[in-house]
């Protein structure tokens, strides 16, 4: 069975219907991470999310895509940080978020980012804090320079997602979609009513905003 590809509405990219996230793969050895990513590419997967659960992911990911960067599309998140042990965290402080974003690009050996994401906004105050710190302006600058191709964001909250979509700046949204969440079941990330979530998805469709799905199996 061949892979299905879908066009990003505001772009000419054809993204595989199945993507690969990096949320837990940091627990594997580096050579295994590289092998998994390589096998995914060889199997037709060309869409990757790089909100990695650990800093150890970026170097083997970079090795896996070396020589075939043009075949791969990935999301890189501004707002992800890692401590000295390489453990994942979040921040809105511009100095450390920018430093980490640039470190991720350097470690992967890439000069461009397909989707520059503002990371994990579940409260409007989170988004406003990043704007106040200059994070949105930073990503817009990178887009103007051709380093970032598309702006996006991740959220679990319909009201916050709508607030960000109101800016008109984002081509893609990463959101938690699965039947449990959509019908008010699941864990703490099952945010928003059934009607709110459905209305958000319809809005994205009508406005040509792509949806990158996270937690499709209710986070495992």
N, C-alpha and C. Protein backbone atom coordinates (compact mmCIF):
# COMPACT_ATOMS: atom_id res chain seq x y z
N UNK A 1 0.85 -1.19 0.00
CA UNK A 1 0.00 0.00 0.00
C UNK A 1 0.88 1.24 0.00
N UNK A 2 0.65 2.14 -0.93
CA UNK A 2 1.49 3.33 -1.05
C UNK A 2 1.03 4.42 -0.08
N UNK A 3 1.95 5.32 0.24
CA UNK A 3 1.65 6.42 1.15
C UNK A 3 0.74 7.44 0.48
N UNK A 4 -0.17 7.99 1.24
CA UNK A 4 -1.02 9.09 0.76
C UNK A 4 -0.35 10.41 1.13
N UNK A 5 -0.41 11.37 0.20
CA UNK A 5 0.18 12.68 0.45
C UNK A 5 -0.89 13.76 0.32
N UNK A 6 -0.79 14.77 1.15
CA UNK A 6 -1.77 15.86 1.17
C UNK A 6 -1.04 17.19 1.02
N UNK A 7 -1.62 18.07 0.22
CA UNK A 7 -1.00 19.37 -0.03
C UNK A 7 -1.26 20.31 1.14
N UNK A 8 -0.21 20.99 1.57
CA UNK A 8 -0.40 22.06 2.54
C UNK A 8 -1.14 23.19 1.84
N UNK A 9 -2.31 23.62 2.36
CA UNK A 9 -3.13 24.59 1.62
C UNK A 9 -2.39 25.85 1.20
N UNK A 10 -1.57 26.41 2.11
CA UNK A 10 -0.83 27.62 1.79
C UNK A 10 0.63 27.27 1.54
N UNK A 11 0.86 26.56 0.45
CA UNK A 11 2.21 26.13 0.11
C UNK A 11 2.13 25.09 -0.98
N UNK A 12 3.29 24.66 -1.45
CA UNK A 12 3.30 23.64 -2.50
C UNK A 12 3.84 22.31 -1.99
N UNK A 13 4.00 22.19 -0.66
CA UNK A 13 4.49 20.94 -0.09
C UNK A 13 3.42 19.85 -0.14
N UNK A 14 3.86 18.64 -0.40
CA UNK A 14 3.00 17.46 -0.31
C UNK A 14 3.48 16.65 0.90
N UNK A 15 2.67 16.63 1.94
CA UNK A 15 3.06 16.00 3.21
C UNK A 15 2.42 14.63 3.33
N UNK A 16 3.18 13.69 3.85
CA UNK A 16 2.64 12.34 4.03
C UNK A 16 1.52 12.37 5.07
N UNK A 17 0.46 11.59 4.81
CA UNK A 17 -0.67 11.56 5.73
C UNK A 17 -0.26 11.03 7.10
N UNK A 18 0.73 10.18 7.13
CA UNK A 18 1.30 9.70 8.38
C UNK A 18 2.61 10.43 8.63
N UNK A 19 2.75 10.99 9.81
CA UNK A 19 3.99 11.64 10.19
C UNK A 19 4.63 10.90 11.35
N UNK A 20 5.79 11.35 11.73
CA UNK A 20 6.50 10.74 12.86
C UNK A 20 6.87 11.82 13.86
N UNK A 21 6.43 11.65 15.10
CA UNK A 21 6.76 12.57 16.18
C UNK A 21 7.94 12.05 16.99
N UNK A 22 8.55 12.97 17.74
CA UNK A 22 9.77 12.64 18.47
C UNK A 22 9.54 12.69 19.98
N UNK A 23 8.30 12.51 20.41
CA UNK A 23 7.97 12.71 21.82
C UNK A 23 8.60 11.73 22.78
N UNK A 24 8.92 10.52 22.34
CA UNK A 24 9.50 9.55 23.27
C UNK A 24 10.71 8.83 22.74
N UNK A 25 11.08 9.11 21.51
CA UNK A 25 12.14 8.36 20.87
C UNK A 25 13.51 8.65 21.47
N UNK A 26 13.59 9.71 22.29
CA UNK A 26 14.88 10.02 22.92
C UNK A 26 15.34 8.91 23.87
N UNK A 27 14.45 8.01 24.23
CA UNK A 27 14.82 6.91 25.13
C UNK A 27 15.58 5.80 24.41
N UNK A 28 15.64 5.87 23.08
CA UNK A 28 16.38 4.89 22.28
C UNK A 28 17.81 5.36 22.07
N UNK A 29 18.73 4.45 21.77
CA UNK A 29 20.11 4.84 21.43
C UNK A 29 20.14 5.68 20.15
N UNK A 30 21.17 6.47 19.99
CA UNK A 30 21.27 7.38 18.86
C UNK A 30 21.21 6.65 17.53
N UNK A 31 21.90 5.51 17.42
CA UNK A 31 21.90 4.80 16.14
C UNK A 31 20.53 4.24 15.81
N UNK A 32 19.76 3.90 16.84
CA UNK A 32 18.40 3.41 16.61
C UNK A 32 17.49 4.55 16.16
N UNK A 33 17.64 5.74 16.76
CA UNK A 33 16.87 6.91 16.33
C UNK A 33 17.14 7.20 14.87
N UNK A 34 18.41 7.21 14.49
CA UNK A 34 18.77 7.46 13.10
C UNK A 34 18.16 6.40 12.18
N UNK A 35 18.20 5.14 12.60
CA UNK A 35 17.66 4.06 11.78
C UNK A 35 16.15 4.17 11.62
N UNK A 36 15.45 4.54 12.70
CA UNK A 36 13.99 4.69 12.64
C UNK A 36 13.61 5.80 11.67
N UNK A 37 14.29 6.94 11.77
CA UNK A 37 13.99 8.06 10.88
C UNK A 37 14.29 7.69 9.44
N UNK A 38 15.42 7.04 9.22
CA UNK A 38 15.77 6.61 7.86
C UNK A 38 14.74 5.65 7.30
N UNK A 39 14.31 4.69 8.12
CA UNK A 39 13.30 3.72 7.66
C UNK A 39 11.99 4.43 7.35
N UNK A 40 11.62 5.42 8.16
CA UNK A 40 10.39 6.18 7.91
C UNK A 40 10.45 6.87 6.55
N UNK A 41 11.58 7.51 6.26
CA UNK A 41 11.74 8.19 4.97
C UNK A 41 11.66 7.20 3.82
N UNK A 42 12.33 6.09 3.98
CA UNK A 42 12.32 5.06 2.93
C UNK A 42 10.92 4.47 2.73
N UNK A 43 10.08 4.55 3.77
CA UNK A 43 8.72 4.01 3.69
C UNK A 43 7.70 5.05 3.21
N UNK A 44 8.18 6.25 2.88
CA UNK A 44 7.31 7.27 2.32
C UNK A 44 6.89 8.36 3.28
N UNK A 45 7.29 8.27 4.54
CA UNK A 45 6.98 9.34 5.50
C UNK A 45 7.96 10.49 5.28
N UNK A 46 7.41 11.67 5.05
CA UNK A 46 8.28 12.84 4.83
C UNK A 46 7.97 13.99 5.76
N UNK A 47 7.16 13.74 6.79
CA UNK A 47 6.67 14.79 7.68
C UNK A 47 7.02 14.41 9.12
N UNK A 48 7.78 15.28 9.78
CA UNK A 48 8.29 14.99 11.12
C UNK A 48 8.04 16.17 12.06
N UNK A 49 7.68 15.84 13.29
CA UNK A 49 7.57 16.88 14.32
C UNK A 49 8.76 16.77 15.25
N UNK A 50 9.41 17.90 15.50
CA UNK A 50 10.63 17.90 16.31
C UNK A 50 10.45 18.62 17.63
N UNK A 51 9.28 18.43 18.24
CA UNK A 51 9.15 18.75 19.65
C UNK A 51 9.63 17.50 20.40
N UNK A 52 10.93 17.37 20.48
CA UNK A 52 11.52 16.13 20.99
C UNK A 52 11.49 16.09 22.51
N UNK A 53 11.27 14.89 23.05
CA UNK A 53 11.24 14.72 24.49
C UNK A 53 12.60 14.76 25.13
N UNK A 54 13.66 14.86 24.31
CA UNK A 54 15.01 14.93 24.84
C UNK A 54 15.96 15.51 23.81
N UNK A 55 17.02 16.17 24.28
CA UNK A 55 17.95 16.85 23.39
C UNK A 55 18.76 15.89 22.53
N UNK A 56 18.79 14.62 22.91
CA UNK A 56 19.62 13.64 22.19
C UNK A 56 19.08 13.29 20.81
N UNK A 57 17.88 13.76 20.48
CA UNK A 57 17.23 13.38 19.22
C UNK A 57 17.82 14.11 18.02
N UNK A 58 18.23 15.35 18.20
CA UNK A 58 18.50 16.22 17.05
C UNK A 58 19.70 15.79 16.22
N UNK A 59 20.76 15.34 16.85
CA UNK A 59 21.94 14.93 16.08
C UNK A 59 21.66 13.70 15.21
N UNK A 60 21.08 12.62 15.75
CA UNK A 60 20.78 11.48 14.87
C UNK A 60 19.71 11.79 13.83
N UNK A 61 18.77 12.66 14.14
CA UNK A 61 17.80 13.07 13.13
C UNK A 61 18.51 13.77 11.98
N UNK A 62 19.43 14.66 12.31
CA UNK A 62 20.19 15.36 11.29
C UNK A 62 20.99 14.41 10.41
N UNK A 63 21.59 13.39 11.04
CA UNK A 63 22.34 12.41 10.25
C UNK A 63 21.41 11.65 9.31
N UNK A 64 20.20 11.34 9.78
CA UNK A 64 19.26 10.56 8.98
C UNK A 64 18.79 11.31 7.74
N UNK A 65 18.68 12.64 7.85
CA UNK A 65 18.16 13.41 6.70
C UNK A 65 19.28 14.00 5.85
N UNK A 66 20.52 13.82 6.27
CA UNK A 66 21.65 14.36 5.50
C UNK A 66 21.65 13.77 4.10
N UNK A 67 21.78 14.65 3.09
CA UNK A 67 21.78 14.20 1.71
C UNK A 67 20.41 14.04 1.10
N UNK A 68 19.36 14.19 1.91
CA UNK A 68 17.99 14.10 1.39
C UNK A 68 17.07 15.11 2.08
N UNK A 69 17.67 16.25 2.43
CA UNK A 69 16.91 17.31 3.11
C UNK A 69 15.69 17.73 2.30
N UNK A 70 15.83 17.75 0.97
CA UNK A 70 14.73 18.23 0.13
C UNK A 70 13.53 17.28 0.15
N UNK A 71 13.71 16.07 0.65
CA UNK A 71 12.62 15.09 0.71
C UNK A 71 11.86 15.14 2.03
N UNK A 72 12.33 15.98 2.95
CA UNK A 72 11.82 15.96 4.33
C UNK A 72 11.22 17.32 4.70
N UNK A 73 10.11 17.29 5.41
CA UNK A 73 9.48 18.49 5.96
C UNK A 73 9.35 18.30 7.47
N UNK A 74 9.77 19.31 8.23
CA UNK A 74 9.68 19.13 9.68
C UNK A 74 9.24 20.42 10.38
N UNK A 75 8.66 20.21 11.56
CA UNK A 75 8.22 21.28 12.44
C UNK A 75 9.26 21.45 13.54
N UNK A 76 9.77 22.68 13.72
CA UNK A 76 10.71 22.99 14.78
C UNK A 76 10.08 24.05 15.68
N UNK A 77 10.15 23.83 16.99
CA UNK A 77 9.35 24.61 17.93
C UNK A 77 10.18 25.64 18.69
N UNK A 78 9.75 26.89 18.63
CA UNK A 78 10.32 27.95 19.46
C UNK A 78 9.56 27.96 20.77
N UNK A 79 10.29 27.74 21.86
CA UNK A 79 9.66 27.63 23.17
C UNK A 79 10.04 26.34 23.87
N UNK A 80 10.61 25.41 23.11
CA UNK A 80 11.17 24.18 23.68
C UNK A 80 12.57 24.49 24.20
N UNK A 81 12.87 24.02 25.39
CA UNK A 81 14.23 24.15 25.93
C UNK A 81 14.62 22.83 26.57
N UNK A 82 15.91 22.66 26.86
CA UNK A 82 16.41 21.44 27.50
C UNK A 82 17.38 21.82 28.61
N UNK A 83 17.31 21.06 29.70
CA UNK A 83 18.23 21.33 30.80
C UNK A 83 19.57 20.64 30.56
N UNK A 84 20.46 20.69 31.53
CA UNK A 84 21.80 20.14 31.36
C UNK A 84 21.77 18.63 31.14
N UNK A 85 20.72 17.97 31.60
CA UNK A 85 20.58 16.53 31.41
C UNK A 85 19.88 16.20 30.08
N UNK A 86 19.54 17.23 29.31
CA UNK A 86 18.88 17.02 28.04
C UNK A 86 17.40 16.78 28.14
N UNK A 87 16.80 17.09 29.29
CA UNK A 87 15.38 16.85 29.50
C UNK A 87 14.55 18.03 28.98
N UNK A 88 13.41 17.71 28.40
CA UNK A 88 12.51 18.68 27.78
C UNK A 88 11.92 19.65 28.81
N UNK A 89 11.73 20.91 28.37
CA UNK A 89 11.02 21.90 29.16
C UNK A 89 10.47 22.96 28.22
N UNK A 90 9.72 23.92 28.78
CA UNK A 90 9.14 25.02 28.00
C UNK A 90 9.56 26.34 28.60
N UNK A 91 9.67 27.36 27.74
CA UNK A 91 10.01 28.69 28.20
C UNK A 91 9.43 29.72 27.25
N UNK A 92 9.17 30.92 27.77
CA UNK A 92 8.77 32.06 26.94
C UNK A 92 9.86 33.13 26.90
N UNK A 93 10.98 32.90 27.58
CA UNK A 93 12.05 33.87 27.64
C UNK A 93 12.84 33.85 26.34
N UNK A 94 12.93 35.00 25.71
CA UNK A 94 13.46 35.07 24.35
C UNK A 94 14.91 34.63 24.27
N UNK A 95 15.73 34.95 25.25
CA UNK A 95 17.14 34.61 25.15
C UNK A 95 17.34 33.10 25.10
N UNK A 96 16.68 32.36 25.99
CA UNK A 96 16.90 30.92 26.00
C UNK A 96 16.13 30.19 24.90
N UNK A 97 14.96 30.70 24.51
CA UNK A 97 14.22 30.02 23.45
C UNK A 97 14.91 30.21 22.10
N UNK A 98 15.40 31.41 21.85
CA UNK A 98 16.13 31.65 20.59
C UNK A 98 17.42 30.84 20.55
N UNK A 99 18.13 30.83 21.67
CA UNK A 99 19.39 30.07 21.73
C UNK A 99 19.14 28.59 21.45
N UNK A 100 18.07 28.05 22.03
CA UNK A 100 17.76 26.63 21.81
C UNK A 100 17.33 26.37 20.38
N UNK A 101 16.53 27.25 19.81
CA UNK A 101 16.07 27.09 18.43
C UNK A 101 17.26 27.05 17.48
N UNK A 102 18.20 27.97 17.67
CA UNK A 102 19.38 28.02 16.81
C UNK A 102 20.29 26.82 17.05
N UNK A 103 20.35 26.37 18.32
CA UNK A 103 21.14 25.17 18.63
C UNK A 103 20.56 23.95 17.93
N UNK A 104 19.23 23.81 17.92
CA UNK A 104 18.59 22.67 17.26
C UNK A 104 18.92 22.66 15.78
N UNK A 105 18.83 23.82 15.12
CA UNK A 105 19.16 23.89 13.69
C UNK A 105 20.63 23.52 13.46
N UNK A 106 21.51 24.07 14.26
CA UNK A 106 22.94 23.80 14.10
C UNK A 106 23.25 22.32 14.34
N UNK A 107 22.63 21.74 15.35
CA UNK A 107 22.88 20.34 15.69
C UNK A 107 22.39 19.41 14.59
N UNK A 108 21.28 19.75 13.95
CA UNK A 108 20.76 18.95 12.85
C UNK A 108 21.51 19.20 11.54
N UNK A 109 22.24 20.31 11.48
CA UNK A 109 22.96 20.65 10.27
C UNK A 109 22.07 21.15 9.16
N UNK A 110 21.04 21.93 9.52
CA UNK A 110 20.11 22.45 8.52
C UNK A 110 20.16 23.97 8.51
N UNK A 111 19.88 24.53 7.33
CA UNK A 111 19.86 25.98 7.19
C UNK A 111 18.47 26.54 7.05
N UNK A 112 17.49 25.65 6.89
CA UNK A 112 16.10 26.07 6.74
C UNK A 112 15.20 25.21 7.61
N UNK A 113 14.05 25.79 7.95
CA UNK A 113 13.02 25.11 8.75
C UNK A 113 11.72 25.18 7.97
N UNK A 114 11.07 24.05 7.78
CA UNK A 114 9.83 24.04 7.00
C UNK A 114 8.70 24.74 7.74
N UNK A 115 8.48 24.38 9.00
CA UNK A 115 7.43 24.97 9.81
C UNK A 115 8.04 25.45 11.12
N UNK A 116 8.09 26.77 11.29
CA UNK A 116 8.57 27.34 12.54
C UNK A 116 7.39 27.52 13.48
N UNK A 117 7.36 26.73 14.54
CA UNK A 117 6.21 26.68 15.42
C UNK A 117 6.43 27.48 16.70
N UNK A 118 5.38 28.19 17.11
CA UNK A 118 5.31 28.74 18.46
C UNK A 118 4.73 27.63 19.33
N UNK A 119 5.41 27.30 20.40
CA UNK A 119 5.20 26.03 21.06
C UNK A 119 4.22 26.07 22.24
N UNK A 120 3.17 25.26 22.13
CA UNK A 120 2.30 24.83 23.23
C UNK A 120 1.64 25.98 23.98
N UNK A 121 0.59 26.51 23.38
CA UNK A 121 -0.19 27.58 24.03
C UNK A 121 -1.55 27.03 24.44
N UNK A 122 -1.73 26.81 25.73
CA UNK A 122 -3.02 26.35 26.24
C UNK A 122 -3.76 27.47 26.97
N UNK A 123 -3.08 28.57 27.21
CA UNK A 123 -3.69 29.76 27.79
C UNK A 123 -3.31 30.96 26.92
N UNK A 124 -4.24 31.90 26.77
CA UNK A 124 -3.95 33.08 25.96
C UNK A 124 -2.77 33.84 26.52
N UNK A 125 -2.62 33.82 27.85
CA UNK A 125 -1.50 34.51 28.47
C UNK A 125 -0.16 33.95 28.01
N UNK A 126 -0.12 32.64 27.70
CA UNK A 126 1.10 32.03 27.18
C UNK A 126 1.50 32.67 25.86
N UNK A 127 0.51 32.80 24.97
CA UNK A 127 0.79 33.40 23.66
C UNK A 127 1.19 34.86 23.81
N UNK A 128 0.49 35.59 24.65
CA UNK A 128 0.81 37.01 24.85
C UNK A 128 2.21 37.18 25.43
N UNK A 129 2.62 36.23 26.27
CA UNK A 129 3.96 36.31 26.85
C UNK A 129 5.02 36.12 25.77
N UNK A 130 4.79 35.18 24.85
CA UNK A 130 5.76 34.99 23.77
C UNK A 130 5.80 36.19 22.85
N UNK A 131 4.65 36.77 22.57
CA UNK A 131 4.61 37.98 21.73
C UNK A 131 5.38 39.11 22.41
N UNK A 132 5.13 39.29 23.70
CA UNK A 132 5.80 40.37 24.44
C UNK A 132 7.31 40.17 24.48
N UNK A 133 7.75 38.91 24.52
CA UNK A 133 9.18 38.61 24.55
C UNK A 133 9.84 38.74 23.18
N UNK A 134 9.02 38.84 22.13
CA UNK A 134 9.58 38.99 20.79
C UNK A 134 9.66 37.70 19.99
N UNK A 135 9.05 36.63 20.50
CA UNK A 135 9.13 35.35 19.81
C UNK A 135 8.45 35.36 18.45
N UNK A 136 7.27 35.95 18.38
CA UNK A 136 6.56 36.01 17.11
C UNK A 136 7.33 36.85 16.10
N UNK A 137 7.85 37.98 16.54
CA UNK A 137 8.63 38.83 15.64
C UNK A 137 9.89 38.10 15.14
N UNK A 138 10.48 37.31 16.01
CA UNK A 138 11.68 36.55 15.63
C UNK A 138 11.35 35.56 14.52
N UNK A 139 10.25 34.81 14.67
CA UNK A 139 9.87 33.84 13.63
C UNK A 139 9.48 34.55 12.34
N UNK A 140 8.79 35.69 12.45
CA UNK A 140 8.44 36.46 11.25
C UNK A 140 9.70 36.93 10.54
N UNK A 141 10.70 37.33 11.31
CA UNK A 141 11.97 37.75 10.70
C UNK A 141 12.64 36.59 9.97
N UNK A 142 12.64 35.41 10.59
CA UNK A 142 13.22 34.25 9.94
C UNK A 142 12.46 33.89 8.67
N UNK A 143 11.15 34.08 8.69
CA UNK A 143 10.37 33.81 7.48
C UNK A 143 10.72 34.82 6.38
N UNK A 144 10.84 36.08 6.75
CA UNK A 144 11.21 37.10 5.77
C UNK A 144 12.58 36.81 5.15
N UNK A 145 13.45 36.19 5.92
CA UNK A 145 14.80 35.86 5.45
C UNK A 145 14.84 34.55 4.66
N UNK A 146 13.70 33.85 4.61
CA UNK A 146 13.65 32.58 3.90
C UNK A 146 14.18 31.41 4.69
N UNK A 147 14.47 31.61 5.97
CA UNK A 147 14.98 30.52 6.81
C UNK A 147 13.83 29.63 7.28
N UNK A 148 12.71 30.25 7.65
CA UNK A 148 11.48 29.53 7.99
C UNK A 148 10.50 29.69 6.85
N UNK A 149 9.92 28.59 6.39
CA UNK A 149 9.01 28.65 5.25
C UNK A 149 7.57 28.96 5.66
N UNK A 150 7.13 28.39 6.77
CA UNK A 150 5.74 28.58 7.22
C UNK A 150 5.72 28.80 8.72
N UNK A 151 4.82 29.67 9.17
CA UNK A 151 4.62 29.88 10.60
C UNK A 151 3.48 28.99 11.08
N UNK A 152 3.63 28.48 12.29
CA UNK A 152 2.60 27.65 12.88
C UNK A 152 2.64 27.74 14.39
N UNK A 153 1.78 26.97 15.03
CA UNK A 153 1.73 26.94 16.49
C UNK A 153 1.12 25.63 16.94
N UNK A 154 1.32 25.30 18.20
CA UNK A 154 0.69 24.11 18.78
C UNK A 154 -0.14 24.53 19.99
N UNK A 155 -1.26 23.84 20.17
CA UNK A 155 -2.18 24.13 21.27
C UNK A 155 -3.07 22.92 21.51
N UNK A 156 -3.69 22.90 22.71
CA UNK A 156 -4.72 21.91 23.03
C UNK A 156 -6.07 22.58 23.26
N UNK A 157 -6.13 23.91 23.14
CA UNK A 157 -7.30 24.67 23.56
C UNK A 157 -7.93 25.41 22.39
N UNK A 158 -9.18 25.10 22.02
CA UNK A 158 -9.80 25.77 20.88
C UNK A 158 -9.83 27.29 20.98
N UNK A 159 -10.16 27.85 22.14
CA UNK A 159 -10.25 29.30 22.27
C UNK A 159 -8.90 29.96 22.01
N UNK A 160 -7.83 29.36 22.49
CA UNK A 160 -6.49 29.91 22.27
C UNK A 160 -6.10 29.77 20.80
N UNK A 161 -6.40 28.62 20.21
CA UNK A 161 -6.09 28.41 18.80
C UNK A 161 -6.80 29.45 17.94
N UNK A 162 -8.06 29.72 18.22
CA UNK A 162 -8.79 30.74 17.47
C UNK A 162 -8.16 32.12 17.64
N UNK A 163 -7.72 32.42 18.85
CA UNK A 163 -7.08 33.71 19.13
C UNK A 163 -5.82 33.88 18.27
N UNK A 164 -5.04 32.82 18.14
CA UNK A 164 -3.82 32.89 17.34
C UNK A 164 -4.15 32.95 15.86
N UNK A 165 -5.15 32.19 15.44
CA UNK A 165 -5.56 32.22 14.03
C UNK A 165 -6.05 33.60 13.63
N UNK A 166 -6.57 34.36 14.58
CA UNK A 166 -7.05 35.71 14.29
C UNK A 166 -5.93 36.62 13.77
N UNK A 167 -4.67 36.27 14.07
CA UNK A 167 -3.55 37.09 13.57
C UNK A 167 -3.40 36.96 12.06
N UNK A 168 -3.89 35.86 11.50
CA UNK A 168 -3.77 35.63 10.07
C UNK A 168 -2.38 35.26 9.61
N UNK A 169 -1.49 34.94 10.54
CA UNK A 169 -0.09 34.70 10.21
C UNK A 169 0.27 33.24 10.01
N UNK A 170 -0.58 32.34 10.48
CA UNK A 170 -0.18 30.94 10.56
C UNK A 170 -0.75 30.11 9.41
N UNK A 171 0.11 29.30 8.83
CA UNK A 171 -0.28 28.41 7.74
C UNK A 171 -0.64 27.02 8.23
N UNK A 172 -0.26 26.69 9.47
CA UNK A 172 -0.48 25.35 9.98
C UNK A 172 -0.63 25.40 11.49
N UNK A 173 -1.46 24.51 12.00
CA UNK A 173 -1.72 24.42 13.44
C UNK A 173 -1.53 22.98 13.87
N UNK A 174 -0.84 22.78 14.97
CA UNK A 174 -0.73 21.45 15.56
C UNK A 174 -1.72 21.36 16.71
N UNK A 175 -2.61 20.38 16.63
CA UNK A 175 -3.68 20.30 17.62
C UNK A 175 -3.94 18.85 18.00
N UNK A 176 -4.45 18.67 19.21
CA UNK A 176 -4.72 17.33 19.74
C UNK A 176 -6.07 16.84 19.22
N UNK A 177 -6.04 15.88 18.31
CA UNK A 177 -7.26 15.37 17.70
C UNK A 177 -7.32 13.85 17.86
N UNK A 178 -8.37 13.38 18.47
CA UNK A 178 -8.71 11.96 18.50
C UNK A 178 -10.15 11.84 18.98
N UNK A 179 -10.82 10.72 18.74
CA UNK A 179 -12.24 10.62 19.10
C UNK A 179 -12.51 10.83 20.58
N UNK A 180 -11.61 10.38 21.45
CA UNK A 180 -11.83 10.56 22.88
C UNK A 180 -11.87 12.04 23.25
N UNK A 181 -10.88 12.79 22.77
CA UNK A 181 -10.85 14.22 23.06
C UNK A 181 -12.04 14.93 22.42
N UNK A 182 -12.33 14.58 21.18
CA UNK A 182 -13.37 15.30 20.45
C UNK A 182 -14.76 15.10 21.06
N UNK A 183 -14.91 14.05 21.84
CA UNK A 183 -16.20 13.81 22.49
C UNK A 183 -16.10 13.90 24.01
N UNK A 184 -15.16 14.74 24.45
CA UNK A 184 -15.12 15.13 25.85
C UNK A 184 -14.60 14.08 26.80
N UNK A 185 -13.81 13.13 26.31
CA UNK A 185 -13.23 12.09 27.16
C UNK A 185 -11.71 12.20 27.10
N UNK A 186 -11.06 11.46 27.99
CA UNK A 186 -9.60 11.43 27.91
C UNK A 186 -8.97 12.12 29.10
N UNK A 187 -7.73 12.60 28.91
CA UNK A 187 -6.96 13.16 30.02
C UNK A 187 -7.10 14.68 30.08
N UNK A 188 -6.15 15.32 30.74
CA UNK A 188 -6.23 16.77 30.96
C UNK A 188 -6.09 17.59 29.68
N UNK A 189 -5.69 16.96 28.58
CA UNK A 189 -5.54 17.69 27.33
C UNK A 189 -6.80 17.65 26.46
N UNK A 190 -7.85 17.03 26.95
CA UNK A 190 -9.13 16.99 26.22
C UNK A 190 -9.89 18.28 26.50
N UNK A 191 -9.38 19.38 25.93
CA UNK A 191 -9.89 20.71 26.24
C UNK A 191 -10.88 21.17 25.18
N UNK A 192 -11.90 21.91 25.62
CA UNK A 192 -12.90 22.44 24.70
C UNK A 192 -14.06 21.49 24.52
N UNK A 193 -15.21 22.05 24.25
CA UNK A 193 -16.40 21.24 24.02
C UNK A 193 -16.36 20.60 22.63
N UNK A 194 -17.27 19.65 22.42
CA UNK A 194 -17.37 19.01 21.11
C UNK A 194 -17.60 20.06 20.02
N UNK A 195 -18.53 20.98 20.27
CA UNK A 195 -18.86 21.99 19.26
C UNK A 195 -17.70 22.96 19.04
N UNK A 196 -16.98 23.33 20.09
CA UNK A 196 -15.84 24.24 19.94
C UNK A 196 -14.74 23.61 19.09
N UNK A 197 -14.48 22.34 19.35
CA UNK A 197 -13.42 21.66 18.61
C UNK A 197 -13.82 21.50 17.13
N UNK A 198 -15.08 21.11 16.90
CA UNK A 198 -15.55 20.94 15.52
C UNK A 198 -15.52 22.26 14.77
N UNK A 199 -15.90 23.35 15.44
CA UNK A 199 -15.89 24.66 14.79
C UNK A 199 -14.48 25.09 14.45
N UNK A 200 -13.52 24.77 15.31
CA UNK A 200 -12.12 25.09 15.04
C UNK A 200 -11.63 24.34 13.80
N UNK A 201 -11.95 23.08 13.70
CA UNK A 201 -11.51 22.30 12.54
C UNK A 201 -12.15 22.83 11.26
N UNK A 202 -13.41 23.21 11.34
CA UNK A 202 -14.08 23.78 10.16
C UNK A 202 -13.44 25.10 9.77
N UNK A 203 -13.07 25.90 10.76
CA UNK A 203 -12.42 27.18 10.45
C UNK A 203 -11.10 26.95 9.71
N UNK A 204 -10.31 26.01 10.19
CA UNK A 204 -9.04 25.73 9.53
C UNK A 204 -9.28 25.31 8.08
N UNK A 205 -10.28 24.49 7.86
CA UNK A 205 -10.58 24.05 6.50
C UNK A 205 -10.98 25.22 5.61
N UNK A 206 -11.84 26.11 6.14
CA UNK A 206 -12.34 27.21 5.33
C UNK A 206 -11.26 28.27 5.07
N UNK A 207 -10.31 28.42 6.00
CA UNK A 207 -9.27 29.44 5.86
C UNK A 207 -7.96 28.90 5.29
N UNK A 208 -7.94 27.62 4.96
CA UNK A 208 -6.74 27.05 4.36
C UNK A 208 -5.58 26.90 5.31
N UNK A 209 -5.88 26.62 6.57
CA UNK A 209 -4.83 26.38 7.56
C UNK A 209 -4.70 24.87 7.75
N UNK A 210 -3.50 24.36 7.52
CA UNK A 210 -3.28 22.93 7.69
C UNK A 210 -3.35 22.53 9.16
N UNK A 211 -3.72 21.29 9.41
CA UNK A 211 -3.75 20.76 10.78
C UNK A 211 -2.79 19.59 10.87
N UNK A 212 -1.82 19.74 11.74
CA UNK A 212 -0.90 18.67 12.08
C UNK A 212 -1.41 18.03 13.37
N UNK A 213 -1.70 16.74 13.31
CA UNK A 213 -2.39 16.09 14.42
C UNK A 213 -1.40 15.53 15.44
N UNK A 214 -1.59 15.93 16.70
CA UNK A 214 -0.84 15.31 17.79
C UNK A 214 -1.81 14.52 18.68
N UNK A 215 -1.24 13.58 19.42
CA UNK A 215 -2.02 12.74 20.33
C UNK A 215 -3.18 12.02 19.62
N UNK A 216 -2.95 11.43 18.45
CA UNK A 216 -4.05 10.80 17.72
C UNK A 216 -4.62 9.59 18.45
N UNK A 217 -3.84 9.00 19.37
CA UNK A 217 -4.33 7.87 20.13
C UNK A 217 -4.45 8.23 21.61
N UNK A 218 -4.89 9.47 21.86
CA UNK A 218 -5.09 9.95 23.23
C UNK A 218 -3.79 9.84 24.02
N UNK A 219 -2.71 10.26 23.37
CA UNK A 219 -1.37 10.28 23.98
C UNK A 219 -0.95 8.89 24.44
N UNK A 220 -1.27 7.87 23.65
CA UNK A 220 -0.84 6.52 23.94
C UNK A 220 -1.79 5.75 24.84
